[in-house]
Every structure is written in structure tokens, then in C-alpha cells.
Protein backbone atom coordinates (compact mmCIF):
# COMPACT_ATOMS: atom_id res chain seq x y z
CA MET A 1 0.00 0.00 0.00
CA THR A 2 1.01 3.63 -0.36
CA ILE A 3 1.34 5.35 3.01
CA PHE A 4 1.77 9.08 3.47
CA ILE A 5 3.31 9.74 6.90
CA ILE A 6 2.82 13.26 8.28
CA ALA A 7 5.30 14.00 11.05
CA ARG A 8 6.67 16.87 13.13
CA GLY A 9 10.06 16.88 11.41
CA THR A 10 12.85 15.10 9.60
CA PRO A 11 16.11 13.98 11.24
CA THR A 12 19.23 15.76 9.97
CA LYS A 13 22.94 15.53 10.69
CA LYS A 14 22.66 18.71 12.75
CA GLU A 15 19.57 17.51 14.66
CA PRO A 16 19.53 13.69 14.47
CA GLN A 17 16.78 13.29 17.08
CA TRP A 18 14.25 15.61 15.41
CA GLY A 19 11.53 13.33 14.01
CA CYS A 20 13.66 10.23 14.59
CA PHE A 21 10.82 8.09 16.02
CA GLU A 22 8.59 8.84 13.04
CA PHE A 23 11.32 8.33 10.47
CA ASP A 24 12.33 4.98 11.99
CA GLN A 25 8.74 3.82 11.52
CA ALA A 26 8.78 5.09 7.94
CA LYS A 27 11.88 3.04 7.16
CA ALA A 28 10.39 -0.04 8.85
CA LEU A 29 7.17 0.21 6.83
CA ALA A 30 9.15 0.66 3.61
CA ALA A 31 11.20 -2.43 4.50
CA LEU A 32 7.95 -4.44 4.54
CA GLY A 33 7.34 -3.48 0.93
CA HIS A 34 5.03 -0.48 1.33
CA LYS A 35 5.51 2.66 -0.72
CA VAL A 36 6.19 5.28 1.93
CA VAL A 37 6.11 9.07 1.59
CA TYR A 38 7.19 11.23 4.53
CA LEU A 39 5.89 14.81 4.83
CA SER A 40 6.92 17.41 7.42
CA VAL A 41 6.48 21.16 7.84
CA ASP A 42 9.28 22.82 9.80
CA SER A 43 8.17 25.95 11.63
CA ARG A 44 10.64 25.94 14.54
CA PHE A 45 12.71 28.98 15.48
CA ARG A 46 16.40 28.18 14.95
CA LEU A 47 19.48 30.40 14.77
CA TYR A 48 20.95 28.73 11.71
CA PHE A 49 20.26 28.75 7.99
CA ARG A 50 17.57 26.50 6.54
CA LYS A 51 16.61 26.29 2.90
CA ILE A 52 13.40 28.18 2.26
CA GLY A 53 10.86 26.17 0.29
CA THR A 54 10.66 22.42 -0.29
CA SER A 55 13.46 19.93 0.27
CA LYS A 56 13.24 16.43 -1.14
CA PHE A 57 15.37 13.31 -0.82
CA ILE A 58 15.02 9.52 -0.75
CA THR A 59 16.53 7.44 2.08
CA ASN A 60 15.93 3.74 2.71
CA ASP A 61 13.20 3.83 0.00
CA VAL A 62 11.34 6.58 1.89
CA HIS A 63 10.36 9.56 -0.27
CA THR A 64 10.85 12.54 2.04
CA TYR A 65 9.45 16.05 1.54
CA ASN A 66 10.03 18.91 3.99
CA SER A 67 8.83 22.52 3.83
CA PHE A 68 10.19 25.58 5.63
CA LEU A 69 8.93 29.15 5.19
CA LEU A 70 8.58 30.97 8.53
CA PRO A 71 9.09 30.07 12.19
CA HIS A 72 5.72 29.70 13.90
CA VAL A 73 6.49 32.46 16.41
CA ILE A 74 6.94 34.91 13.54
CA ALA A 75 3.91 33.67 11.60
CA LYS A 76 1.83 34.17 14.77
CA LEU A 77 2.37 37.91 14.47
CA GLY A 78 -0.37 37.67 11.85
CA GLY A 79 -2.54 35.80 14.35
CA GLU A 80 -2.75 32.17 15.50
CA LYS A 81 -5.26 31.33 12.78
CA PHE A 82 -2.96 32.69 10.06
CA ALA A 83 0.01 30.72 11.45
CA TYR A 84 -1.88 27.44 11.25
CA GLN A 85 -3.38 28.24 7.86
CA LEU A 86 0.16 28.79 6.61
CA ARG A 87 1.27 25.38 7.92
CA ILE A 88 -1.77 23.68 6.36
CA TRP A 89 -1.08 25.45 3.05
CA GLN A 90 2.53 24.20 3.16
CA LEU A 91 1.36 20.69 3.99
CA GLU A 92 -1.07 20.64 1.07
CA LYS A 93 1.68 21.82 -1.30
CA LEU A 94 3.88 18.95 -0.12
CA TYR A 95 0.98 16.51 -0.48
CA LEU A 96 0.20 17.58 -4.06
CA LYS A 97 3.87 17.47 -5.06
CA ALA A 98 4.22 13.96 -3.62
CA VAL A 99 1.01 12.77 -5.33
CA HIS A 100 2.29 14.10 -8.64
CA GLU A 101 5.68 12.39 -8.26
CA VAL A 102 4.85 9.20 -6.34
CA GLY A 103 1.09 8.65 -6.64
CA LYS A 104 -2.00 9.01 -4.49
CA PRO A 105 -1.87 7.52 -0.97
CA ASP A 106 -4.07 4.71 0.25
CA ILE A 107 -3.82 6.04 3.78
CA LEU A 108 -2.63 9.06 5.76
CA TYR A 109 -0.69 8.23 8.92
CA THR A 110 -0.08 11.09 11.34
CA HIS A 111 2.17 11.43 14.40
CA TYR A 112 1.22 13.73 17.29
CA LEU A 113 -2.02 15.65 17.80
CA PHE A 114 -0.84 18.85 16.11
CA CYS A 115 -0.03 16.93 12.91
CA THR A 116 -3.38 15.14 13.08
CA TYR A 117 -5.13 18.49 13.51
CA GLU A 118 -3.50 19.88 10.37
CA SER A 119 -3.90 16.68 8.37
CA THR A 120 -7.67 16.48 8.78
CA PHE A 121 -7.79 19.14 6.06
CA LEU A 122 -6.21 16.65 3.63
CA ARG A 123 -8.37 13.81 4.91
CA ASN A 124 -11.59 15.73 4.34
CA LYS A 125 -10.66 17.46 1.08
CA TYR A 126 -9.17 14.44 -0.68
CA ASN A 127 -11.20 11.69 1.06
CA ILE A 128 -8.19 9.67 2.24
CA PRO A 129 -8.52 7.37 5.28
CA LEU A 130 -6.52 8.65 8.27
CA VAL A 131 -4.81 6.81 11.13
CA ALA A 132 -3.33 8.87 13.98
CA ILE A 133 -0.72 7.68 16.45
CA GLU A 134 -0.30 9.61 19.67
CA HIS A 135 2.82 9.96 21.82
CA TRP A 136 2.74 13.64 22.80
CA SER A 137 3.86 14.10 26.40
CA ASP A 138 1.87 17.36 26.77
CA LEU A 139 -1.33 15.32 26.84
CA GLN A 140 -0.26 13.87 30.20
CA LYS A 141 -0.19 17.31 31.84
CA GLU A 142 -2.73 17.96 34.56
CA ASN A 143 -4.18 21.05 32.84
CA LEU A 144 -4.54 21.21 29.08
CA SER A 145 -4.60 24.50 27.18
CA GLU A 146 -7.65 25.63 25.24
CA HIS A 147 -5.62 25.21 22.07
CA ILE A 148 -4.88 21.55 22.80
CA LEU A 149 -8.54 20.93 23.64
CA LYS A 150 -9.51 22.51 20.33
CA MET A 151 -7.03 20.40 18.38
CA ALA A 152 -8.28 17.25 20.12
CA GLY A 153 -11.53 17.62 18.19
CA SER A 154 -9.62 16.38 15.14
CA TYR A 155 -9.45 12.87 16.61
CA GLN A 156 -13.07 12.38 15.49
CA TYR A 157 -11.90 12.50 11.88
CA ALA A 158 -9.37 9.71 12.34
CA ASP A 159 -10.48 6.26 11.22
CA LYS A 160 -8.28 4.84 13.98
CA VAL A 161 -6.32 6.37 16.85
CA ILE A 162 -3.29 4.56 18.25
CA ALA A 163 -1.68 5.19 21.64
CA VAL A 164 1.92 4.16 22.28
CA SER A 165 1.18 2.85 25.79
CA GLN A 166 -1.71 1.61 27.89
CA SER A 167 -1.23 4.63 30.14
CA LEU A 168 -1.72 7.03 27.25
CA GLN A 169 -4.63 4.93 25.97
CA LYS A 170 -6.40 5.52 29.30
CA THR A 171 -5.59 9.24 29.16
CA LEU A 172 -7.08 9.61 25.66
CA TYR A 173 -10.28 7.88 26.76
CA LYS A 174 -10.59 9.79 30.03
CA ARG A 175 -9.97 13.22 28.51
CA PHE A 176 -11.39 12.93 25.00
CA GLY A 177 -13.55 9.80 24.95
CA ILE A 178 -11.27 8.23 22.34
CA ASN A 179 -11.13 4.42 22.15
CA ALA A 180 -7.54 4.05 21.01
CA CYS A 181 -5.71 0.80 20.41
CA VAL A 182 -2.10 0.34 21.58
CA VAL A 183 1.00 -0.06 19.46
CA ASN A 184 4.20 0.59 21.36
CA ASN A 185 7.10 2.64 20.09
CA MET A 186 9.70 0.63 18.22
CA VAL A 187 13.40 0.30 18.79
CA GLY A 188 15.51 1.36 15.81
CA ASP A 189 17.57 -1.27 14.03
CA VAL A 190 20.81 0.48 14.97
CA PHE A 191 20.30 -0.48 18.64
CA SER A 192 21.70 -3.97 19.10
CA TYR A 193 23.53 -6.07 21.65
CA GLU A 194 27.28 -6.39 21.45
CA ARG A 195 29.27 -7.50 24.45
CA SER A 196 31.89 -4.87 25.26
CA MET A 197 35.22 -5.16 27.02
CA SER A 198 35.44 -4.62 30.76
CA PHE A 199 36.38 -1.18 32.06
CA SER A 200 38.07 -0.09 35.26
CA VAL A 201 34.96 1.82 36.40
CA LEU A 202 31.25 1.03 36.37
CA ASN A 203 29.62 3.07 33.61
CA PHE A 204 26.11 4.42 34.11
CA VAL A 205 24.41 6.14 31.17
CA THR A 206 21.20 8.09 30.53
CA THR A 207 19.69 9.80 27.50
CA GLY A 208 17.06 12.48 26.96
CA SER A 209 16.44 16.20 26.68
CA LEU A 210 17.82 18.20 29.60
CA ILE A 211 14.43 19.30 30.88
CA HIS A 212 12.70 19.09 34.27
CA ARG A 213 10.40 16.26 33.20
CA LYS A 214 13.33 13.87 32.75
CA GLY A 215 14.38 14.11 36.41
CA TYR A 216 18.12 14.68 35.98
CA ASP A 217 18.13 16.92 39.05
CA LEU A 218 16.89 13.91 41.04
CA LEU A 219 19.52 11.69 39.45
CA ILE A 220 22.40 13.93 40.48
CA GLN A 221 20.98 14.18 44.02
CA ALA A 222 20.67 10.39 44.17
CA PHE A 223 24.27 9.79 43.09
CA ALA A 224 25.44 12.27 45.71
CA LYS A 225 23.35 10.49 48.34
CA ALA A 226 24.47 7.00 47.24
CA GLN A 227 28.10 7.85 48.09
CA LEU A 228 29.63 5.27 45.79
CA PRO A 229 33.46 5.15 45.75
CA ASN A 230 34.29 8.04 43.40
CA GLU A 231 37.08 6.19 41.61
CA GLN A 232 34.78 3.26 40.72
CA TRP A 233 31.91 4.82 38.73
CA HIS A 234 31.00 7.32 36.02
CA LEU A 235 27.71 8.66 34.60
CA ASN A 236 27.26 9.93 31.02
CA ILE A 237 24.22 12.18 30.53
CA ILE A 238 23.47 12.32 26.79
CA GLY A 239 21.26 15.15 25.57
CA SER A 240 20.85 18.91 25.35
CA GLY A 241 18.29 21.34 26.68
CA GLU A 242 17.36 24.27 28.87
CA GLU A 243 18.48 22.69 32.15
CA LYS A 244 22.11 22.25 31.12
CA SER A 245 23.64 25.13 33.11
CA HIS A 246 21.56 24.31 36.19
CA LEU A 247 22.57 20.64 36.06
CA GLN A 248 26.25 21.49 35.63
CA GLN A 249 26.01 23.79 38.63
CA GLN A 250 24.42 20.98 40.64
CA ILE A 251 27.19 18.59 39.58
CA ASP A 252 29.87 21.08 40.66
CA GLN A 253 28.17 21.81 44.01
CA ASN A 254 28.26 18.09 44.83
CA ASN A 255 31.90 17.76 43.70
CA LEU A 256 30.91 15.18 41.09
CA GLN A 257 32.49 16.88 38.06
CA ASP A 258 34.97 14.00 37.69
CA ASN A 259 32.15 11.43 37.83
CA ILE A 260 29.26 12.95 35.86
CA THR A 261 29.62 14.23 32.30
CA LEU A 262 27.05 16.23 30.35
CA ALA A 263 27.96 14.66 27.02
CA GLY A 264 25.66 16.75 24.81
CA GLN A 265 23.50 15.60 21.92
CA LYS A 266 24.68 12.54 20.03
CA SER A 267 23.65 10.68 16.89
CA LYS A 268 22.05 7.27 17.29
CA GLU A 269 25.26 5.60 16.16
CA GLU A 270 27.23 7.50 18.80
CA ILE A 271 24.66 6.60 21.46
CA VAL A 272 24.90 2.91 20.58
CA ALA A 273 28.70 3.05 20.86
CA ILE A 274 28.37 4.59 24.35
CA TYR A 275 25.75 2.02 25.38
CA GLN A 276 28.01 -0.82 24.31
CA GLN A 277 30.68 0.54 26.66
CA SER A 278 28.21 1.04 29.53
CA ASP A 279 26.86 -1.20 32.26
CA ILE A 280 23.59 0.35 33.50
CA PHE A 281 20.97 2.73 32.08
CA VAL A 282 19.17 5.00 34.56
CA LEU A 283 16.47 7.63 33.95
CA PRO A 284 14.14 8.79 36.76
CA SER A 285 11.64 10.46 34.45
CA ARG A 286 8.69 12.24 36.01
CA SER A 287 6.39 11.61 33.04
CA GLU A 288 6.47 9.65 29.76
CA THR A 289 3.94 8.50 27.21
CA PHE A 290 6.08 5.38 26.64
CA GLY A 291 9.82 5.86 27.13
CA VAL A 292 11.59 4.74 23.97
CA VAL A 293 15.05 5.49 25.40
CA TYR A 294 14.56 2.65 27.89
CA ILE A 295 13.94 0.05 25.19
CA GLU A 296 16.84 1.41 23.13
CA ALA A 297 19.11 0.77 26.11
CA MET A 298 17.56 -2.64 26.73
CA ALA A 299 18.05 -3.56 23.06
CA CYS A 300 21.76 -3.01 23.70
CA GLY A 301 21.56 -5.36 26.68
CA LEU A 302 21.63 -2.80 29.49
CA PRO A 303 19.71 -3.40 32.72
CA VAL A 304 17.70 -0.26 33.51
CA ILE A 305 16.59 1.80 36.48
CA ALA A 306 13.26 3.39 35.55
CA THR A 307 10.15 4.96 37.09
CA PRO A 308 6.46 4.01 36.68
CA CYS A 309 5.85 7.32 34.92
CA GLY A 310 3.45 6.37 32.12
CA GLY A 311 5.18 3.63 30.12
CA PRO A 312 8.18 1.83 31.66
CA GLU A 313 5.97 0.03 34.19
CA GLU A 314 4.40 -1.79 31.22
CA PHE A 315 7.62 -3.35 29.94
CA VAL A 316 10.38 -3.25 32.60
CA THR A 317 10.37 -6.54 34.52
CA ASP A 318 12.61 -7.69 37.36
CA LYS A 319 14.73 -9.45 34.73
CA ASP A 320 15.31 -6.12 32.97
CA GLY A 321 16.07 -3.93 35.98
CA LEU A 322 14.40 -1.90 38.71
CA LEU A 323 11.40 0.42 39.01
CA VAL A 324 11.57 3.17 41.64
CA PRO A 325 8.81 5.63 42.60
CA VAL A 326 8.63 8.95 40.78
CA ASP A 327 10.31 11.88 42.59
CA ASN A 328 11.81 9.64 45.29
CA VAL A 329 15.52 10.40 45.70
CA GLU A 330 15.96 7.93 48.58
CA LYS A 331 14.64 4.96 46.58
CA LEU A 332 16.60 6.06 43.53
CA ALA A 333 19.83 6.17 45.55
CA GLU A 334 19.06 2.69 46.91
CA ALA A 335 18.50 1.38 43.36
CA ILE A 336 21.79 2.90 42.19
CA LYS A 337 23.65 1.25 45.08
CA TYR A 338 21.93 -2.08 44.40
CA MET A 339 22.87 -1.97 40.72
CA PHE A 340 26.44 -1.00 41.60
CA HIS A 341 26.81 -4.28 43.46
CA HIS A 342 24.51 -6.59 41.46
CA TYR A 343 24.56 -5.47 37.79
CA GLN A 344 26.51 -8.56 36.72
CA GLU A 345 23.59 -10.76 37.81
CA TYR A 346 21.49 -9.51 34.88
CA ASP A 347 21.59 -11.49 31.63
CA ARG A 348 22.39 -8.79 29.08
CA LYS A 349 21.81 -11.05 26.07
CA ALA A 350 18.38 -12.09 27.38
CA ILE A 351 17.42 -8.45 28.02
CA ALA A 352 18.33 -7.57 24.43
CA ASP A 353 16.61 -10.61 22.89
CA ASN A 354 13.37 -10.08 24.81
CA CYS A 355 13.34 -6.40 23.87
CA GLN A 356 13.79 -7.16 20.17
CA ALA A 357 11.05 -9.79 20.30
CA ARG A 358 8.57 -7.15 21.52
CA PHE A 359 9.72 -3.88 19.98
CA SER A 360 11.82 -4.54 16.86
CA SER A 361 11.09 -2.50 13.74
CA LYS A 362 9.65 -5.52 11.95
CA VAL A 363 7.33 -6.45 14.83
CA ILE A 364 5.92 -2.92 15.18
CA ALA A 365 5.66 -2.35 11.41
CA LYS A 366 3.59 -5.53 11.09
CA GLN A 367 1.24 -4.37 13.86
CA LEU A 368 0.78 -1.02 12.11
CA THR A 369 0.17 -2.74 8.77
CA ARG A 370 -2.64 -4.83 10.22
CA ILE A 371 -4.33 -1.67 11.52
CA PHE A 372 -3.99 0.05 8.15
CA GLU A 373 -5.43 -3.01 6.39
CA ASP A 374 -8.40 -3.09 8.76
CA VAL A 375 -9.11 0.60 8.12
CA LEU A 376 -8.87 0.19 4.35
CA ALA A 377 -11.12 -2.89 4.47
CA LYS A 378 -13.81 -0.80 6.17
CA HIS A 379 -13.48 1.67 3.30
CA HIS A 380 -13.66 -1.26 0.85
CA ILE A 381 -10.19 -0.42 -0.44
CA ILE A 382 -7.99 -3.31 -1.53
CA THR A 383 -4.24 -2.74 -1.87
CA ILE A 384 -1.52 -4.90 -3.39
CA ASN A 385 2.11 -4.47 -2.34
């Protein structure tokens, strides 16, 4: 079948994590034999040059189209309605260009509520079935903005809504009355188990944006409280974000600058190389809609320390690692100390194999394909790959 994926963005060498979840799914669906087109409208504010207009390339048999005209904050000077009309206009231009060059889609597949909201225009104008997958962390917030509530009305136009976790599935039903099915996030093919050499220190690692929700402030407190022998451990924090200076200050105040490194943003290949030289993954997140970084670490064979924050509690077992309560520094410090002494008792190969059996690109792509086929059958559309 021909699938048009509408996503928040496209990964680049400069920003490898932007749109990476969506693009991994696009590659996985193409690998199953589907014709996949990937559309994204970039309206972020960035202090570097971006080509104005449409960019097009083909990677892993995925036909990719991206449009950039104005950052959203600038477009909003003409009003919120104008800013969204501009994005929808850009999206339609991409759609028509792709249809002309690749062919008409059998199905539209959107990631995140804001993309679903904009894509309902295409769904209604061109009468294309639409499937929406949701993994937006903002939907887990206690109070939702009027704008989010307005956008949520677009779910009614989706032929099927997918949630990436049971926790998010419950949230969508409770808040919007949406009966979503569950398809978990997938682990990219680059994440794989490879037994590394032994190092003189125990290497902890964590990955994610440096924001309050990820709980890095708690993590630094917990390591300070755990009082592990300084010469026997190290923690790599991979990621970038607004909390960087505050976290570095916290590291310095606890005299942990020789033990904790803010490693910055890395490509997936660089992350895998670090994982394969690490022993334990730890992330005390305060809220997730799934937690794909945990399964990426597990796919590399790392036992994990996680929190029941809206996803990890559904897939982290006692064979994979430990779950500690959210916002509990004492329990987190205890888990760190336990792992320091017992990490070798975990079967890294089994952790990786079990993770791949549940979340590999092929497994998740097949689940998505069955949903697409069910939707098309209801529309009496038959496709042949």
C-alpha cells in the first residue's frame, strides 16, 4: 500500500533526534514493501540557515518532503489562525507534489495531535482514510490548554487512533472519549547487543532532553546520596536542553564533576557506541507516554533503572532492571547502590533478545500494517504491495 506519513520533522545531521521516532517507523514500513512518503512542515525557530521552500530526498526507500517558510512564532504575528493556515497550506503543497511524483496515498498516517489536527484538512478534502498515532507528552499534563482541547476535536476525523502505551490509551479515553488501540514505540535497528570489554569503572548512562520532566536533578541528588566510591563509577548524561547550566552547577556543588559528564546531543550511532561501553541505564523520568530510550538501552543489553511514569511500568520486569517511585531520591539512591553491586547478575543477552522480540522494527511495522489493512477494508479499499 502507499502510506503518506505526516510527522513533526525530519532527522538531519545537525539535529539527528528531530523526528527520529517517526522516520524509523517510515523506514520499517518501507522495509515491509510499502511505498512510503514522509511529509513534514518545519516551523521551529532556529538560529541557523535553513533552505526556504521544499526539500526532497530519498533514504531507505522513503520519499521525504520537507517545507520551511517561517518560524511559527513569527507567523503568529499575523494571528494564531494565520500561522496554522500557513502550515496547512505548506502541507497541502507537499501533499500535491508527492502525489504528482509518487502517486495518491491509500492512507494518511499522522504522528502527534498537532499533525493530526493539520492533516484532517487533507483527509476531508481528498477523502483519504486517516490513522493517527499519539505519543505527545503534553497530553499527560494535569491542565490542558484551550488550544490543545480545540485540536483534540480532530481525533473524530481519524479512522483509527493509536496510543503508544496503555497509560496514554487511558488518558485519551478519560480526557477525550477516544477508544484508542495500543502499538508501542519501536526500537531502531541500529540499537543492538554487542558484548563490550570490561572497564576499570562502572559506567552508568542516561539519554534524553535536559528538561525538568526527565528528572536529571533527582539523578544527580541520588548519586550524591548513594556515596559510591568516586574512583569506581562514572555517569554519562546524553542530551541537550534548557536545564544544562543548572545541572552542571548541581554537579559542581556536589563535587561530582569527575564522575558525571554532560555529554551533549549525540547521533544514534554515537549513542549505541556509548551504550556498548556502559553497564547500567538510569532515567528517573517524572512523566512519559512510553519511554523509547529505555527500550533502546535494553536492546543493547543494558539493565535499567526506571520509574512508573506512564510507560516503563508496562515493559520493565525484574529481569530487565528496577522500578523506583517517581520523585523519590531515597529509593533512587538505593536502586543505584543495588545496581552497583549486582549489575553482573542480569543477563544482558536475554534483556536484548526479549526487547527485540517485543519492539523490533519488523514487529511494530507488522502491527501497524494490520491496523492500516483493517481501516482500508472498512473503506472497501484493496491494496496490493
